[in-house]
Amino acid sequence: MKKPSVTLYLLVVALICLMSVISTKADTVDVLVGDKNNFGFAGCTDTGTCANLGSPSIDNRTPAEMAATNGAQITDVYSAIFPGYGPNTTSTADVLFPFLGTLTSGTINLAAGDFQSDVFGAFTASIDGVSVPFFFADGRFVTTIHSFTLTDAQLAVANGQGFVDLHLDRNGSGDFVSFDWFELNGQSTTATPEPGTMLLLGVGVLGLAAVKLMKR
């Protein structure tokens, strides 16, 4: 009876190892931009009213938020991205949410205050280059949480660059507004080696030794 060749045996072992070397691990994504401190006022909440948002310019940012470039610099101020009526000198901003692995689902939540788009005009916005509506007629002093669920197109762009980008543009709006925080919540997957892979490789080595003994 013909003995199996070493090459054939190694090919079989390698195929088994490749089939089991990688698995996907599900992870929870939670990326916070800014801090959840009620717009920097002790008497305010993220859902309700905040009469303190009454007259620009208000700056309740921490030193870290002031120095930030990921979007935290437009939180805890009134008004946000409105040069001359707030501490920020540009009328646009990008809120960035980095993540690990492959993002399979995601929702951006943001705590906003004093939006009156119906009276003063709406911002324009996009998520990873895809336009999203940013018209909020919440009312004077009203604070609330708004959400955006990422589409397949937005997820594809995010996975290509490793972060989600919420781009905001005042677009000529005269609305004085405030943001407390932005947050990305979702799920991602990460490729990880199977614990059994090293065992399979060990079996392969032992098998190779056995074949060599059989050939003697």
N, C-alpha and C. Protein backbone atom coordinates (compact mmCIF):
# COMPACT_ATOMS: atom_id res chain seq x y z
N MET A 1 0.85 -1.19 0.00
CA MET A 1 0.00 0.00 0.00
C MET A 1 0.89 1.24 0.00
N LYS A 2 0.57 2.20 -0.88
CA LYS A 2 1.39 3.40 -1.01
C LYS A 2 1.18 4.32 0.18
N LYS A 3 2.27 4.77 0.75
CA LYS A 3 2.20 5.67 1.89
C LYS A 3 1.87 7.09 1.42
N PRO A 4 1.12 7.87 2.22
CA PRO A 4 0.80 9.24 1.83
C PRO A 4 2.06 10.09 1.78
N SER A 5 2.10 10.98 0.79
CA SER A 5 3.27 11.85 0.66
C SER A 5 3.25 12.93 1.73
N VAL A 6 4.44 13.41 2.07
CA VAL A 6 4.56 14.49 3.04
C VAL A 6 3.86 15.74 2.54
N THR A 7 4.00 16.02 1.24
CA THR A 7 3.39 17.22 0.66
C THR A 7 1.88 17.18 0.78
N LEU A 8 1.27 16.03 0.47
CA LEU A 8 -0.18 15.91 0.55
C LEU A 8 -0.66 16.09 1.98
N TYR A 9 0.08 15.49 2.91
CA TYR A 9 -0.31 15.61 4.32
C TYR A 9 -0.26 17.07 4.77
N LEU A 10 0.81 17.76 4.40
CA LEU A 10 0.95 19.16 4.79
C LEU A 10 -0.12 20.03 4.17
N LEU A 11 -0.50 19.74 2.94
CA LEU A 11 -1.55 20.51 2.28
C LEU A 11 -2.88 20.36 3.01
N VAL A 12 -3.18 19.15 3.46
CA VAL A 12 -4.43 18.90 4.18
C VAL A 12 -4.43 19.65 5.51
N VAL A 13 -3.30 19.58 6.23
CA VAL A 13 -3.21 20.27 7.51
C VAL A 13 -3.33 21.77 7.33
N ALA A 14 -2.65 22.31 6.30
CA ALA A 14 -2.70 23.75 6.04
C ALA A 14 -4.12 24.19 5.72
N LEU A 15 -4.85 23.38 4.95
CA LEU A 15 -6.22 23.74 4.60
C LEU A 15 -7.10 23.78 5.84
N ILE A 16 -6.94 22.80 6.73
CA ILE A 16 -7.72 22.79 7.97
C ILE A 16 -7.41 24.01 8.80
N CYS A 17 -6.13 24.36 8.88
CA CYS A 17 -5.73 25.52 9.68
C CYS A 17 -6.31 26.80 9.12
N LEU A 18 -6.26 26.96 7.79
CA LEU A 18 -6.77 28.18 7.17
C LEU A 18 -8.27 28.31 7.37
N MET A 19 -8.98 27.20 7.38
CA MET A 19 -10.43 27.23 7.55
C MET A 19 -10.82 27.62 8.96
N SER A 20 -9.92 27.44 9.90
CA SER A 20 -10.29 27.70 11.30
C SER A 20 -9.46 28.78 11.96
N VAL A 21 -8.51 29.39 11.22
CA VAL A 21 -7.60 30.34 11.84
C VAL A 21 -8.29 31.65 12.20
N ILE A 22 -9.32 32.03 11.47
CA ILE A 22 -9.95 33.32 11.69
C ILE A 22 -11.40 33.18 12.10
N SER A 23 -11.80 33.93 13.09
CA SER A 23 -13.21 34.04 13.46
C SER A 23 -13.51 35.51 13.67
N THR A 24 -14.77 35.86 13.72
CA THR A 24 -15.14 37.25 13.93
C THR A 24 -15.68 37.43 15.33
N LYS A 25 -15.21 38.48 15.98
CA LYS A 25 -15.61 38.80 17.34
C LYS A 25 -16.46 40.07 17.31
N ALA A 26 -17.64 40.00 17.90
CA ALA A 26 -18.53 41.16 17.93
C ALA A 26 -18.16 42.07 19.10
N ASP A 27 -18.12 43.36 18.85
CA ASP A 27 -17.78 44.33 19.87
C ASP A 27 -18.82 45.45 19.90
N THR A 28 -18.99 46.05 21.06
CA THR A 28 -19.86 47.21 21.20
C THR A 28 -19.05 48.48 20.98
N VAL A 29 -19.58 49.37 20.15
CA VAL A 29 -18.93 50.64 19.87
C VAL A 29 -19.63 51.75 20.65
N ASP A 30 -18.87 52.52 21.41
CA ASP A 30 -19.42 53.64 22.18
C ASP A 30 -18.36 54.73 22.21
N VAL A 31 -18.53 55.74 21.36
CA VAL A 31 -17.55 56.82 21.25
C VAL A 31 -18.23 58.13 21.62
N LEU A 32 -17.76 58.75 22.69
CA LEU A 32 -18.34 60.01 23.17
C LEU A 32 -17.44 61.18 22.79
N VAL A 33 -18.04 62.22 22.21
CA VAL A 33 -17.34 63.45 21.91
C VAL A 33 -17.95 64.55 22.77
N GLY A 34 -17.15 65.18 23.61
CA GLY A 34 -17.65 66.13 24.59
C GLY A 34 -17.88 65.42 25.92
N ASP A 35 -18.59 66.08 26.82
CA ASP A 35 -18.90 65.44 28.10
C ASP A 35 -20.37 65.68 28.45
N LYS A 36 -20.92 64.76 29.18
CA LYS A 36 -22.33 64.82 29.52
C LYS A 36 -22.51 65.60 30.82
N ASN A 37 -22.40 66.93 30.69
CA ASN A 37 -22.49 67.78 31.88
C ASN A 37 -23.58 68.84 31.72
N ASN A 38 -24.61 68.51 30.93
CA ASN A 38 -25.78 69.40 30.80
C ASN A 38 -25.42 70.79 30.31
N PHE A 39 -24.65 70.82 29.22
CA PHE A 39 -24.25 72.07 28.57
C PHE A 39 -23.37 72.94 29.48
N GLY A 40 -22.87 72.34 30.56
CA GLY A 40 -22.03 73.09 31.49
C GLY A 40 -22.80 73.88 32.52
N PHE A 41 -24.12 73.66 32.60
CA PHE A 41 -24.96 74.36 33.58
C PHE A 41 -25.53 73.37 34.57
N ALA A 42 -25.44 73.67 35.84
CA ALA A 42 -25.94 72.77 36.88
C ALA A 42 -27.46 72.61 36.83
N GLY A 43 -28.17 73.62 36.36
CA GLY A 43 -29.63 73.56 36.38
C GLY A 43 -30.27 73.09 35.10
N CYS A 44 -29.49 72.58 34.15
CA CYS A 44 -30.05 72.14 32.86
C CYS A 44 -30.02 70.63 32.72
N THR A 45 -30.83 70.13 31.80
CA THR A 45 -30.82 68.71 31.45
C THR A 45 -30.79 68.58 29.94
N ASP A 46 -30.45 67.39 29.47
CA ASP A 46 -30.37 67.17 28.02
C ASP A 46 -31.74 66.99 27.37
N THR A 47 -32.74 66.72 28.16
CA THR A 47 -34.11 66.63 27.64
C THR A 47 -35.01 67.43 28.57
N GLY A 48 -35.42 68.58 28.12
CA GLY A 48 -36.25 69.45 28.95
C GLY A 48 -36.10 70.88 28.49
N THR A 49 -35.69 71.76 29.40
CA THR A 49 -35.44 73.15 29.06
C THR A 49 -34.18 73.63 29.76
N CYS A 50 -33.58 74.65 29.19
CA CYS A 50 -32.39 75.25 29.78
C CYS A 50 -32.45 76.76 29.54
N ALA A 51 -33.03 77.46 30.48
CA ALA A 51 -33.18 78.91 30.35
C ALA A 51 -31.85 79.63 30.35
N ASN A 52 -30.77 78.95 30.78
CA ASN A 52 -29.45 79.56 30.78
C ASN A 52 -28.93 79.83 29.36
N LEU A 53 -29.51 79.12 28.39
CA LEU A 53 -29.12 79.36 27.00
C LEU A 53 -29.90 80.58 26.50
N GLY A 54 -29.57 81.71 27.07
CA GLY A 54 -30.36 82.89 26.80
C GLY A 54 -29.69 83.96 25.97
N SER A 55 -28.37 84.09 26.08
CA SER A 55 -27.71 85.16 25.33
C SER A 55 -26.28 84.76 25.03
N PRO A 56 -25.91 84.76 23.77
CA PRO A 56 -24.52 84.45 23.44
C PRO A 56 -23.63 85.63 23.85
N SER A 57 -22.39 85.43 24.13
CA SER A 57 -21.66 84.20 23.92
C SER A 57 -21.38 83.52 25.26
N ILE A 58 -21.67 82.21 25.32
CA ILE A 58 -21.43 81.43 26.52
C ILE A 58 -20.38 80.37 26.22
N ASP A 59 -19.42 80.21 27.10
CA ASP A 59 -18.35 79.24 26.92
C ASP A 59 -18.14 78.48 28.22
N ASN A 60 -18.70 77.27 28.29
CA ASN A 60 -18.56 76.42 29.48
C ASN A 60 -17.62 75.25 29.23
N ARG A 61 -16.76 75.35 28.25
CA ARG A 61 -15.88 74.23 27.89
C ARG A 61 -14.74 74.04 28.89
N THR A 62 -14.29 72.81 29.00
CA THR A 62 -13.08 72.51 29.74
C THR A 62 -11.88 72.88 28.86
N PRO A 63 -10.68 73.01 29.45
CA PRO A 63 -9.50 73.28 28.63
C PRO A 63 -9.30 72.22 27.53
N ALA A 64 -9.61 70.96 27.83
CA ALA A 64 -9.46 69.90 26.83
C ALA A 64 -10.43 70.11 25.67
N GLU A 65 -11.65 70.52 25.98
CA GLU A 65 -12.62 70.76 24.91
C GLU A 65 -12.22 71.97 24.07
N MET A 66 -11.68 72.99 24.70
CA MET A 66 -11.23 74.17 23.96
C MET A 66 -10.14 73.81 22.96
N ALA A 67 -9.26 72.89 23.35
CA ALA A 67 -8.13 72.52 22.49
C ALA A 67 -8.48 71.41 21.51
N ALA A 68 -9.66 70.84 21.61
CA ALA A 68 -10.02 69.68 20.79
C ALA A 68 -10.21 70.06 19.33
N THR A 69 -10.04 69.06 18.46
CA THR A 69 -10.30 69.23 17.03
C THR A 69 -11.24 68.15 16.51
N ASN A 70 -11.78 67.33 17.41
CA ASN A 70 -12.64 66.23 17.01
C ASN A 70 -14.13 66.56 17.10
N GLY A 71 -14.45 67.81 17.39
CA GLY A 71 -15.85 68.22 17.54
C GLY A 71 -16.20 68.62 18.95
N ALA A 72 -15.40 68.22 19.93
CA ALA A 72 -15.68 68.60 21.32
C ALA A 72 -15.57 70.11 21.51
N GLN A 73 -14.85 70.77 20.60
CA GLN A 73 -14.67 72.21 20.71
C GLN A 73 -15.97 72.99 20.47
N ILE A 74 -17.00 72.34 19.89
CA ILE A 74 -18.26 73.05 19.66
C ILE A 74 -19.32 72.66 20.69
N THR A 75 -18.94 71.89 21.70
CA THR A 75 -19.88 71.53 22.77
C THR A 75 -19.77 72.54 23.91
N ASP A 76 -20.83 72.61 24.71
CA ASP A 76 -20.85 73.45 25.92
C ASP A 76 -20.62 74.93 25.61
N VAL A 77 -21.01 75.37 24.40
CA VAL A 77 -20.94 76.78 24.05
C VAL A 77 -22.30 77.21 23.49
N TYR A 78 -22.50 78.53 23.50
CA TYR A 78 -23.73 79.09 22.93
C TYR A 78 -23.37 80.47 22.40
N SER A 79 -23.31 80.59 21.07
CA SER A 79 -23.80 79.66 20.08
C SER A 79 -22.66 78.86 19.43
N ALA A 80 -22.99 77.68 18.91
CA ALA A 80 -21.99 76.85 18.26
C ALA A 80 -21.84 77.26 16.80
N ILE A 81 -20.65 77.11 16.28
CA ILE A 81 -20.26 77.45 14.90
C ILE A 81 -20.97 78.70 14.38
N PHE A 82 -20.93 79.75 15.17
CA PHE A 82 -21.52 81.03 14.77
C PHE A 82 -20.51 82.13 15.12
N PRO A 83 -19.56 82.40 14.22
CA PRO A 83 -18.54 83.40 14.50
C PRO A 83 -19.16 84.74 14.92
N GLY A 84 -18.64 85.29 15.99
CA GLY A 84 -19.14 86.55 16.50
C GLY A 84 -20.20 86.39 17.57
N TYR A 85 -20.81 85.21 17.63
CA TYR A 85 -21.84 84.94 18.64
C TYR A 85 -21.51 83.66 19.41
N GLY A 86 -20.25 83.40 19.56
CA GLY A 86 -19.75 82.23 20.27
C GLY A 86 -18.25 82.20 20.13
N PRO A 87 -17.58 81.34 20.88
CA PRO A 87 -16.11 81.34 20.87
C PRO A 87 -15.49 80.73 19.62
N ASN A 88 -16.24 79.95 18.86
CA ASN A 88 -15.67 79.32 17.67
C ASN A 88 -15.64 80.29 16.49
N THR A 89 -14.58 80.23 15.74
CA THR A 89 -14.36 81.21 14.66
C THR A 89 -14.72 80.70 13.28
N THR A 90 -15.25 79.49 13.18
CA THR A 90 -15.65 78.95 11.89
C THR A 90 -17.13 78.59 11.92
N SER A 91 -17.74 78.57 10.75
CA SER A 91 -19.16 78.23 10.63
C SER A 91 -19.38 76.78 10.23
N THR A 92 -18.32 75.98 10.25
CA THR A 92 -18.42 74.54 9.98
C THR A 92 -17.65 73.78 11.06
N ALA A 93 -17.96 72.51 11.18
CA ALA A 93 -17.24 71.66 12.14
C ALA A 93 -17.42 70.21 11.74
N ASP A 94 -16.43 69.39 12.08
CA ASP A 94 -16.51 67.95 11.86
C ASP A 94 -16.43 67.26 13.21
N VAL A 95 -17.43 66.44 13.50
CA VAL A 95 -17.44 65.63 14.71
C VAL A 95 -16.98 64.24 14.32
N LEU A 96 -15.87 63.79 14.88
CA LEU A 96 -15.22 62.55 14.44
C LEU A 96 -15.35 61.45 15.49
N PHE A 97 -15.71 60.25 15.03
CA PHE A 97 -15.89 59.10 15.91
C PHE A 97 -15.01 57.95 15.42
N PRO A 98 -13.79 57.80 15.93
CA PRO A 98 -12.94 56.68 15.52
C PRO A 98 -13.41 55.37 16.15
N PHE A 99 -13.17 54.26 15.47
CA PHE A 99 -13.56 52.96 16.00
C PHE A 99 -12.59 51.90 15.50
N LEU A 100 -12.64 50.72 16.11
CA LEU A 100 -11.80 49.59 15.71
C LEU A 100 -12.64 48.53 15.03
N GLY A 101 -12.02 47.77 14.15
CA GLY A 101 -12.73 46.69 13.49
C GLY A 101 -13.58 47.20 12.33
N THR A 102 -14.60 46.40 11.99
CA THR A 102 -15.53 46.75 10.92
C THR A 102 -16.86 47.13 11.53
N LEU A 103 -17.29 48.35 11.30
CA LEU A 103 -18.55 48.84 11.85
C LEU A 103 -19.71 48.22 11.08
N THR A 104 -20.57 47.48 11.78
CA THR A 104 -21.71 46.82 11.13
C THR A 104 -23.02 47.56 11.35
N SER A 105 -23.08 48.38 12.37
CA SER A 105 -24.26 49.21 12.62
C SER A 105 -23.84 50.38 13.50
N GLY A 106 -24.59 51.47 13.39
CA GLY A 106 -24.23 52.62 14.20
C GLY A 106 -25.33 53.67 14.23
N THR A 107 -25.42 54.35 15.35
CA THR A 107 -26.35 55.46 15.53
C THR A 107 -25.62 56.61 16.18
N ILE A 108 -25.75 57.79 15.60
CA ILE A 108 -25.20 59.00 16.21
C ILE A 108 -26.31 59.67 17.01
N ASN A 109 -26.04 59.89 18.28
CA ASN A 109 -26.96 60.63 19.14
C ASN A 109 -26.28 61.94 19.52
N LEU A 110 -27.07 63.00 19.63
CA LEU A 110 -26.51 64.29 20.02
C LEU A 110 -27.52 65.04 20.89
N ALA A 111 -27.01 65.69 21.92
CA ALA A 111 -27.85 66.50 22.80
C ALA A 111 -27.74 67.94 22.35
N ALA A 112 -28.89 68.51 21.96
CA ALA A 112 -28.92 69.86 21.38
C ALA A 112 -29.86 70.75 22.17
N GLY A 113 -29.56 72.04 22.14
CA GLY A 113 -30.41 72.99 22.85
C GLY A 113 -30.74 74.22 22.02
N ASP A 114 -32.00 74.64 22.10
CA ASP A 114 -32.46 75.92 21.56
C ASP A 114 -32.54 75.95 20.03
N PHE A 115 -32.72 74.81 19.39
CA PHE A 115 -32.86 74.80 17.93
C PHE A 115 -34.23 75.34 17.52
N GLN A 116 -34.21 76.32 16.63
CA GLN A 116 -35.43 76.90 16.07
C GLN A 116 -35.25 77.07 14.56
N SER A 117 -35.04 75.94 13.89
CA SER A 117 -34.80 75.96 12.45
C SER A 117 -35.97 76.54 11.68
N ASP A 118 -37.18 76.37 12.22
CA ASP A 118 -38.36 76.89 11.53
C ASP A 118 -38.41 78.40 11.52
N VAL A 119 -37.72 79.03 12.44
CA VAL A 119 -37.72 80.49 12.55
C VAL A 119 -36.48 81.10 11.91
N PHE A 120 -35.31 80.50 12.16
CA PHE A 120 -34.05 81.13 11.78
C PHE A 120 -33.29 80.40 10.67
N GLY A 121 -33.84 79.30 10.19
CA GLY A 121 -33.16 78.55 9.13
C GLY A 121 -32.39 77.36 9.67
N ALA A 122 -32.18 76.38 8.82
CA ALA A 122 -31.57 75.11 9.23
C ALA A 122 -30.10 75.03 8.85
N PHE A 123 -29.36 74.27 9.64
CA PHE A 123 -28.00 73.89 9.27
C PHE A 123 -28.09 72.89 8.11
N THR A 124 -26.98 72.68 7.43
CA THR A 124 -26.84 71.52 6.55
C THR A 124 -25.86 70.56 7.22
N ALA A 125 -26.01 69.28 6.92
CA ALA A 125 -25.16 68.29 7.57
C ALA A 125 -25.00 67.07 6.67
N SER A 126 -23.94 66.34 6.90
CA SER A 126 -23.71 65.08 6.20
C SER A 126 -22.99 64.13 7.13
N ILE A 127 -23.21 62.85 6.91
CA ILE A 127 -22.49 61.80 7.64
C ILE A 127 -21.71 61.00 6.62
N ASP A 128 -20.39 61.07 6.71
CA ASP A 128 -19.51 60.39 5.76
C ASP A 128 -19.86 60.73 4.32
N GLY A 129 -20.15 62.02 4.10
CA GLY A 129 -20.40 62.51 2.75
C GLY A 129 -21.82 62.35 2.26
N VAL A 130 -22.67 61.69 3.05
CA VAL A 130 -24.06 61.49 2.67
C VAL A 130 -24.92 62.51 3.42
N SER A 131 -25.66 63.33 2.68
CA SER A 131 -26.45 64.39 3.30
C SER A 131 -27.51 63.83 4.24
N VAL A 132 -27.69 64.49 5.39
CA VAL A 132 -28.73 64.12 6.34
C VAL A 132 -29.51 65.38 6.72
N PRO A 133 -30.81 65.26 7.01
CA PRO A 133 -31.59 66.44 7.39
C PRO A 133 -31.17 66.95 8.77
N PHE A 134 -31.06 68.26 8.89
CA PHE A 134 -30.67 68.86 10.16
C PHE A 134 -31.59 70.04 10.48
N PHE A 135 -32.87 69.80 10.33
CA PHE A 135 -33.91 70.80 10.58
C PHE A 135 -34.61 70.42 11.87
N PHE A 136 -34.40 71.20 12.93
CA PHE A 136 -34.99 70.91 14.23
C PHE A 136 -35.78 72.13 14.72
N ALA A 137 -37.09 71.96 14.83
CA ALA A 137 -37.94 73.03 15.35
C ALA A 137 -38.30 72.72 16.79
N ASP A 138 -37.27 72.67 17.65
CA ASP A 138 -37.48 72.26 19.04
C ASP A 138 -38.11 73.36 19.89
N GLY A 139 -37.70 74.60 19.68
CA GLY A 139 -38.27 75.71 20.44
C GLY A 139 -37.26 76.37 21.35
N ARG A 140 -37.61 77.57 21.77
CA ARG A 140 -36.75 78.39 22.63
C ARG A 140 -36.48 77.69 23.96
N PHE A 141 -35.21 77.60 24.31
CA PHE A 141 -34.72 77.00 25.56
C PHE A 141 -34.91 75.48 25.63
N VAL A 142 -35.51 74.87 24.64
CA VAL A 142 -35.78 73.43 24.70
C VAL A 142 -34.51 72.64 24.41
N THR A 143 -34.26 71.62 25.22
CA THR A 143 -33.14 70.70 25.00
C THR A 143 -33.69 69.32 24.69
N THR A 144 -33.05 68.64 23.76
CA THR A 144 -33.53 67.31 23.38
C THR A 144 -32.39 66.52 22.75
N ILE A 145 -32.60 65.22 22.57
CA ILE A 145 -31.61 64.34 21.95
C ILE A 145 -32.12 63.92 20.58
N HIS A 146 -31.32 64.14 19.57
CA HIS A 146 -31.64 63.74 18.20
C HIS A 146 -30.73 62.58 17.78
N SER A 147 -31.23 61.74 16.89
CA SER A 147 -30.49 60.54 16.50
C SER A 147 -30.47 60.37 14.98
N PHE A 148 -29.38 59.78 14.50
CA PHE A 148 -29.23 59.44 13.09
C PHE A 148 -28.70 58.01 13.00
N THR A 149 -29.42 57.14 12.31
CA THR A 149 -28.97 55.76 12.10
C THR A 149 -28.18 55.69 10.80
N LEU A 150 -26.98 55.13 10.87
CA LEU A 150 -26.11 55.08 9.71
C LEU A 150 -26.64 54.11 8.65
N THR A 151 -26.60 54.55 7.41
CA THR A 151 -27.03 53.71 6.28
C THR A 151 -25.86 52.83 5.83
N ASP A 152 -26.15 51.88 4.93
CA ASP A 152 -25.09 51.02 4.40
C ASP A 152 -24.02 51.84 3.70
N ALA A 153 -24.45 52.88 2.98
CA ALA A 153 -23.48 53.72 2.27
C ALA A 153 -22.57 54.45 3.25
N GLN A 154 -23.14 54.95 4.32
CA GLN A 154 -22.34 55.64 5.33
C GLN A 154 -21.40 54.68 6.04
N LEU A 155 -21.87 53.48 6.34
CA LEU A 155 -21.02 52.48 6.98
C LEU A 155 -19.84 52.10 6.09
N ALA A 156 -20.10 52.00 4.79
CA ALA A 156 -19.04 51.62 3.86
C ALA A 156 -17.93 52.67 3.86
N VAL A 157 -18.30 53.93 3.83
CA VAL A 157 -17.30 55.00 3.85
C VAL A 157 -16.56 55.00 5.19
N ALA A 158 -17.30 54.85 6.28
CA ALA A 158 -16.68 54.84 7.61
C ALA A 158 -15.66 53.72 7.74
N ASN A 159 -15.99 52.55 7.24
CA ASN A 159 -15.07 51.42 7.34
C ASN A 159 -13.84 51.63 6.47
N GLY A 160 -13.98 52.38 5.40
CA GLY A 160 -12.84 52.67 4.55
C GLY A 160 -11.85 53.64 5.19
N GLN A 161 -12.35 54.51 6.09
CA GLN A 161 -11.48 55.52 6.69
C GLN A 161 -11.21 55.31 8.18
N GLY A 162 -11.97 54.40 8.82
CA GLY A 162 -11.73 54.08 10.23
C GLY A 162 -12.40 55.02 11.21
N PHE A 163 -13.28 55.88 10.73
CA PHE A 163 -14.01 56.78 11.63
C PHE A 163 -15.28 57.24 10.95
N VAL A 164 -16.24 57.67 11.76
CA VAL A 164 -17.47 58.27 11.27
C VAL A 164 -17.31 59.78 11.37
N ASP A 165 -17.70 60.50 10.32
CA ASP A 165 -17.55 61.95 10.28
C ASP A 165 -18.93 62.60 10.12
N LEU A 166 -19.35 63.31 11.18
CA LEU A 166 -20.56 64.14 11.11
C LEU A 166 -20.11 65.56 10.79
N HIS A 167 -20.42 66.01 9.58
CA HIS A 167 -20.02 67.35 9.15
C HIS A 167 -21.19 68.31 9.30
N LEU A 168 -20.96 69.41 9.99
CA LEU A 168 -22.00 70.42 10.21
C LEU A 168 -21.61 71.73 9.54
N ASP A 169 -22.61 72.40 8.94
CA ASP A 169 -22.39 73.67 8.27
C ASP A 169 -23.54 74.61 8.63
N ARG A 170 -23.21 75.78 9.16
CA ARG A 170 -24.26 76.74 9.54
C ARG A 170 -25.11 77.11 8.34
N ASN A 171 -24.51 77.20 7.16
CA ASN A 171 -25.26 77.42 5.93
C ASN A 171 -26.12 78.69 5.98
N GLY A 172 -25.60 79.72 6.61
CA GLY A 172 -26.32 80.98 6.66
C GLY A 172 -27.42 81.05 7.69
N SER A 173 -27.61 80.00 8.47
CA SER A 173 -28.66 80.01 9.50
C SER A 173 -28.35 81.06 10.56
N GLY A 174 -29.39 81.71 11.04
CA GLY A 174 -29.22 82.67 12.12
C GLY A 174 -29.60 82.10 13.47
N ASP A 175 -29.66 80.77 13.57
CA ASP A 175 -30.10 80.10 14.79
C ASP A 175 -28.97 80.01 15.81
N PHE A 176 -29.19 80.55 17.00
CA PHE A 176 -28.26 80.35 18.11
C PHE A 176 -28.55 78.98 18.72
N VAL A 177 -27.55 78.10 18.78
CA VAL A 177 -27.77 76.74 19.26
C VAL A 177 -26.63 76.31 20.17
N SER A 178 -26.86 75.20 20.85
CA SER A 178 -25.83 74.64 21.71
C SER A 178 -25.85 73.12 21.62
N PHE A 179 -24.69 72.50 21.81
CA PHE A 179 -24.57 71.05 21.87
C PHE A 179 -23.92 70.68 23.21
N ASP A 180 -24.46 69.66 23.86
CA ASP A 180 -23.83 69.17 25.08
C ASP A 180 -22.81 68.09 24.75
N TRP A 181 -23.20 67.14 23.91
CA TRP A 181 -22.32 66.04 23.55
C TRP A 181 -22.81 65.37 22.27
N PHE A 182 -21.91 64.59 21.66
CA PHE A 182 -22.21 63.74 20.51
C PHE A 182 -21.73 62.33 20.88
N GLU A 183 -22.46 61.31 20.43
CA GLU A 183 -22.05 59.95 20.77
C GLU A 183 -22.41 58.98 19.64
N LEU A 184 -21.47 58.10 19.33
CA LEU A 184 -21.70 57.02 18.37
C LEU A 184 -21.89 55.73 19.13
N ASN A 185 -23.02 55.07 18.93
CA ASN A 185 -23.29 53.75 19.52
C ASN A 185 -23.53 52.75 18.39
N GLY A 186 -22.96 51.57 18.50
CA GLY A 186 -23.17 50.59 17.45
C GLY A 186 -22.48 49.28 17.74
N GLN A 187 -22.28 48.52 16.67
CA GLN A 187 -21.63 47.22 16.76
C GLN A 187 -20.55 47.14 15.69
N SER A 188 -19.47 46.43 16.03
CA SER A 188 -18.40 46.19 15.06
C SER A 188 -17.95 44.75 15.18
N THR A 189 -17.26 44.28 14.17
CA THR A 189 -16.68 42.93 14.22
C THR A 189 -15.18 43.04 14.00
N THR A 190 -14.44 42.15 14.65
CA THR A 190 -12.99 42.11 14.54
C THR A 190 -12.55 40.69 14.26
N ALA A 191 -11.67 40.52 13.29
CA ALA A 191 -11.14 39.20 12.97
C ALA A 191 -10.12 38.81 14.03
N THR A 192 -10.30 37.62 14.61
CA THR A 192 -9.38 37.15 15.66
C THR A 192 -8.98 35.71 15.39
N PRO A 193 -7.74 35.31 15.76
CA PRO A 193 -7.31 33.92 15.60
C PRO A 193 -8.08 33.00 16.54
N GLU A 194 -8.44 31.84 16.06
CA GLU A 194 -9.10 30.84 16.91
C GLU A 194 -8.09 30.26 17.90
N PRO A 195 -8.48 30.03 19.15
CA PRO A 195 -7.56 29.41 20.11
C PRO A 195 -7.09 28.04 19.66
N GLY A 196 -7.88 27.33 18.86
CA GLY A 196 -7.51 25.99 18.43
C GLY A 196 -6.49 25.97 17.32
N THR A 197 -6.15 27.13 16.79
CA THR A 197 -5.22 27.17 15.66
C THR A 197 -3.86 26.61 16.02
N MET A 198 -3.32 27.02 17.19
CA MET A 198 -2.01 26.51 17.59
C MET A 198 -2.03 25.02 17.81
N LEU A 199 -3.18 24.52 18.31
CA LEU A 199 -3.30 23.08 18.49
C LEU A 199 -3.24 22.36 17.15
N LEU A 200 -3.94 22.91 16.16
CA LEU A 200 -3.93 22.31 14.83
C LEU A 200 -2.54 22.33 14.23
N LEU A 201 -1.83 23.43 14.42
CA LEU A 201 -0.47 23.50 13.91
C LEU A 201 0.42 22.46 14.58
N GLY A 202 0.19 22.27 15.89
CA GLY A 202 0.95 21.25 16.60
C GLY A 202 0.65 19.87 16.06
N VAL A 203 -0.62 19.60 15.76
CA VAL A 203 -1.00 18.31 15.18
C VAL A 203 -0.30 18.12 13.84
N GLY A 204 -0.22 19.22 13.07
CA GLY A 204 0.44 19.14 11.78
C GLY A 204 1.90 18.77 11.91
N VAL A 205 2.57 19.37 12.88
CA VAL A 205 3.98 19.06 13.10
C VAL A 205 4.16 17.61 13.51
N LEU A 206 3.29 17.17 14.43
CA LEU A 206 3.37 15.78 14.86
C LEU A 206 3.09 14.83 13.70
N GLY A 207 2.13 15.22 12.87
CA GLY A 207 1.80 14.39 11.72
C GLY A 207 2.96 14.28 10.75
N LEU A 208 3.63 15.41 10.56
CA LEU A 208 4.80 15.39 9.68
C LEU A 208 5.87 14.46 10.22
N ALA A 209 6.08 14.51 11.53
CA ALA A 209 7.07 13.62 12.14
C ALA A 209 6.66 12.17 11.96
N ALA A 210 5.36 11.89 12.09
CA ALA A 210 4.87 10.52 11.94
C ALA A 210 5.08 10.02 10.52
N VAL A 211 4.82 10.89 9.53
CA VAL A 211 5.00 10.49 8.13
C VAL A 211 6.46 10.16 7.87
N LYS A 212 7.33 11.00 8.43
CA LYS A 212 8.77 10.73 8.24
C LYS A 212 9.17 9.38 8.83
N LEU A 213 8.60 9.04 10.02
CA LEU A 213 8.89 7.76 10.62
C LEU A 213 8.38 6.62 9.78
N MET A 214 7.20 6.83 9.14
CA MET A 214 6.63 5.78 8.29
C MET A 214 7.48 5.53 7.07
N LYS A 215 8.20 6.53 6.60
CA LYS A 215 9.01 6.39 5.39
C LYS A 215 10.33 5.67 5.66
N ARG A 216 10.68 5.49 6.95
CA ARG A 216 11.95 4.84 7.27
C ARG A 216 11.83 3.34 7.08
